[in-house]
């Protein structure tokens, strides 16, 4: 649960369960990053996804030059397996654009398996401009603030 900074019609703080769904999780991450002082733009088309002709819509762009993708998985499934491809597309975007210098994948939820995450933390080492952050390990996202 996190305080959105908004107030309801009675003046009470609006509290949201960030794990409710992917949209709530994305909004939570964007809000927390803005609270750290970053300028944020959400759902931005940054060009093509890799070498394809499909648009690449990124969850959040920080300070015009840092890419953030957010992944929530509350049940077993394939989202965790898609993270390796996401690493590649983010690295490609950073390498082939003069605009983006770094990228983060912030993941959370109970559906990620330790075995796959262990492999993903090895795979990310091959992508010099991409970092994986487990939301449950740093819900303040201060690690991003401290690195930039």
Protein backbone atom coordinates (compact mmCIF):
# COMPACT_ATOMS: atom_id res chain seq x y z
CA UNK A 1 0.00 0.00 0.00
CA UNK A 2 1.25 3.46 -0.78
CA UNK A 3 0.01 7.01 -0.40
CA UNK A 4 -0.56 8.49 -3.86
CA UNK A 5 -0.24 12.03 -2.59
CA UNK A 6 -3.84 12.68 -3.64
CA UNK A 7 -6.87 13.35 -1.48
CA UNK A 8 -10.40 11.99 -1.79
CA UNK A 9 -13.50 14.24 -1.68
CA UNK A 10 -13.37 14.17 2.13
CA UNK A 11 -9.72 15.22 2.27
CA UNK A 12 -8.43 11.82 3.30
CA UNK A 13 -5.24 10.48 1.68
CA UNK A 14 -5.75 8.12 -1.25
CA UNK A 15 -4.04 4.84 -0.44
CA UNK A 16 -3.59 2.28 -3.23
CA UNK A 17 -2.49 -1.35 -3.26
CA UNK A 18 0.44 -1.28 -5.69
CA UNK A 19 0.09 -5.05 -6.22
CA UNK A 20 -3.53 -4.82 -7.40
CA UNK A 21 -2.56 -5.01 -11.09
CA UNK A 22 0.17 -3.97 -13.53
CA UNK A 23 -1.27 -0.49 -14.04
CA UNK A 24 -1.37 0.20 -10.29
CA UNK A 25 2.21 -1.07 -9.98
CA UNK A 26 3.43 1.14 -12.85
CA UNK A 27 1.71 4.21 -11.34
CA UNK A 28 3.21 3.44 -7.93
CA UNK A 29 6.74 3.23 -9.35
CA UNK A 30 6.33 6.42 -11.38
CA UNK A 31 4.94 8.29 -8.37
CA UNK A 32 7.76 7.12 -6.09
CA UNK A 33 10.37 8.13 -8.66
CA UNK A 34 8.79 11.59 -8.97
CA UNK A 35 8.90 11.89 -5.16
CA UNK A 36 12.66 11.28 -5.39
CA UNK A 37 12.93 14.41 -7.54
CA UNK A 38 12.99 12.88 -11.01
CA UNK A 39 10.89 14.36 -13.80
CA UNK A 40 8.77 11.49 -15.11
CA UNK A 41 6.90 10.86 -18.34
CA UNK A 42 4.78 7.73 -18.55
CA UNK A 43 3.89 5.52 -21.52
CA UNK A 44 6.32 7.18 -23.93
CA UNK A 45 7.03 5.82 -27.41
CA UNK A 46 10.81 5.95 -27.69
CA UNK A 47 11.19 4.51 -31.20
CA UNK A 48 11.12 0.98 -32.55
CA UNK A 49 11.43 -2.11 -30.37
CA UNK A 50 14.82 -3.48 -31.36
CA UNK A 51 15.13 -3.97 -35.11
CA UNK A 52 11.40 -4.41 -35.63
CA UNK A 53 9.02 -1.78 -36.91
CA UNK A 54 6.74 -1.96 -33.88
CA UNK A 55 6.60 1.02 -31.54
CA UNK A 56 8.46 0.68 -28.27
CA UNK A 57 6.35 2.16 -25.49
CA UNK A 58 8.35 2.50 -22.31
CA UNK A 59 6.61 2.62 -18.93
CA UNK A 60 8.48 5.68 -17.63
CA UNK A 61 11.25 7.99 -18.82
CA UNK A 62 13.19 9.76 -16.07
CA UNK A 63 14.81 13.15 -16.62
CA UNK A 64 14.48 12.67 -20.40
CA UNK A 65 17.34 10.13 -20.56
CA UNK A 66 16.72 7.15 -18.25
CA UNK A 67 14.35 4.34 -19.24
CA UNK A 68 12.27 2.42 -16.71
CA UNK A 69 10.27 -0.73 -17.42
CA UNK A 70 8.05 -2.11 -14.67
CA UNK A 71 7.00 -5.75 -14.38
CA UNK A 72 4.53 -7.18 -11.88
CA UNK A 73 3.91 -10.89 -11.55
CA UNK A 74 1.62 -12.14 -8.81
CA UNK A 75 1.05 -15.63 -10.22
CA UNK A 76 3.27 -18.13 -11.96
CA UNK A 77 3.62 -17.43 -15.65
CA UNK A 78 5.80 -16.12 -18.40
CA UNK A 79 6.46 -12.50 -17.37
CA UNK A 80 9.70 -13.52 -15.71
CA UNK A 81 10.85 -15.22 -18.91
CA UNK A 82 10.15 -12.05 -20.88
CA UNK A 83 12.59 -10.04 -18.79
CA UNK A 84 15.62 -11.32 -20.73
CA UNK A 85 14.11 -10.01 -23.96
CA UNK A 86 13.27 -6.74 -22.21
CA UNK A 87 16.91 -6.40 -21.16
CA UNK A 88 18.00 -6.76 -24.77
CA UNK A 89 15.49 -4.21 -26.09
CA UNK A 90 16.44 -1.68 -23.42
CA UNK A 91 20.16 -2.17 -24.12
CA UNK A 92 19.44 -1.76 -27.83
CA UNK A 93 17.49 1.46 -27.19
CA UNK A 94 20.37 2.89 -25.14
CA UNK A 95 23.01 1.82 -27.68
CA UNK A 96 21.17 3.12 -30.74
CA UNK A 97 19.91 6.43 -29.45
CA UNK A 98 21.70 9.55 -28.38
CA UNK A 99 18.90 10.22 -25.90
CA UNK A 100 19.02 7.33 -23.42
CA UNK A 101 22.02 6.49 -21.28
CA UNK A 102 20.67 3.97 -18.76
CA UNK A 103 17.72 1.66 -18.17
CA UNK A 104 16.13 -0.06 -15.19
CA UNK A 105 13.74 -2.96 -14.95
CA UNK A 106 11.85 -2.78 -11.67
CA UNK A 107 10.07 -6.04 -10.95
CA UNK A 108 7.85 -7.14 -8.12
CA UNK A 109 5.18 -9.54 -6.98
CA UNK A 110 5.04 -13.05 -5.63
CA UNK A 111 5.04 -14.92 -8.96
CA UNK A 112 8.73 -14.65 -9.79
CA UNK A 113 10.67 -17.85 -9.12
CA UNK A 114 14.10 -17.66 -7.50
CA UNK A 115 15.65 -19.98 -10.09
CA UNK A 116 14.64 -17.78 -13.03
CA UNK A 117 15.59 -14.59 -11.17
CA UNK A 118 19.02 -16.05 -10.42
CA UNK A 119 19.53 -16.63 -14.14
CA UNK A 120 18.21 -13.16 -15.01
CA UNK A 121 20.69 -11.55 -12.64
CA UNK A 122 23.43 -13.37 -14.57
CA UNK A 123 21.97 -12.37 -17.96
CA UNK A 124 21.78 -8.69 -17.00
CA UNK A 125 25.57 -8.66 -16.63
CA UNK A 126 25.73 -8.88 -20.44
CA UNK A 127 23.74 -5.63 -20.73
CA UNK A 128 25.97 -2.84 -19.46
CA UNK A 129 23.30 -0.13 -19.47
CA UNK A 130 20.50 -2.15 -17.86
CA UNK A 131 19.92 -2.92 -14.20
CA UNK A 132 17.37 -5.15 -12.46
CA UNK A 133 15.78 -3.94 -9.25
CA UNK A 134 13.56 -6.10 -7.08
CA UNK A 135 10.90 -3.76 -5.68
CA UNK A 136 10.47 -5.76 -2.48
CA UNK A 137 14.16 -5.20 -1.65
CA UNK A 138 13.91 -1.39 -1.93
CA UNK A 139 10.35 -0.04 -1.92
CA UNK A 140 11.68 3.52 -1.67
CA UNK A 141 13.64 3.03 -4.93
CA UNK A 142 16.48 4.94 -3.31
CA UNK A 143 18.98 2.72 -5.13
CA UNK A 144 18.14 4.58 -8.34
CA UNK A 145 18.58 7.98 -6.68
CA UNK A 146 21.92 6.88 -5.23
CA UNK A 147 23.24 5.63 -8.58
CA UNK A 148 22.39 8.71 -10.61
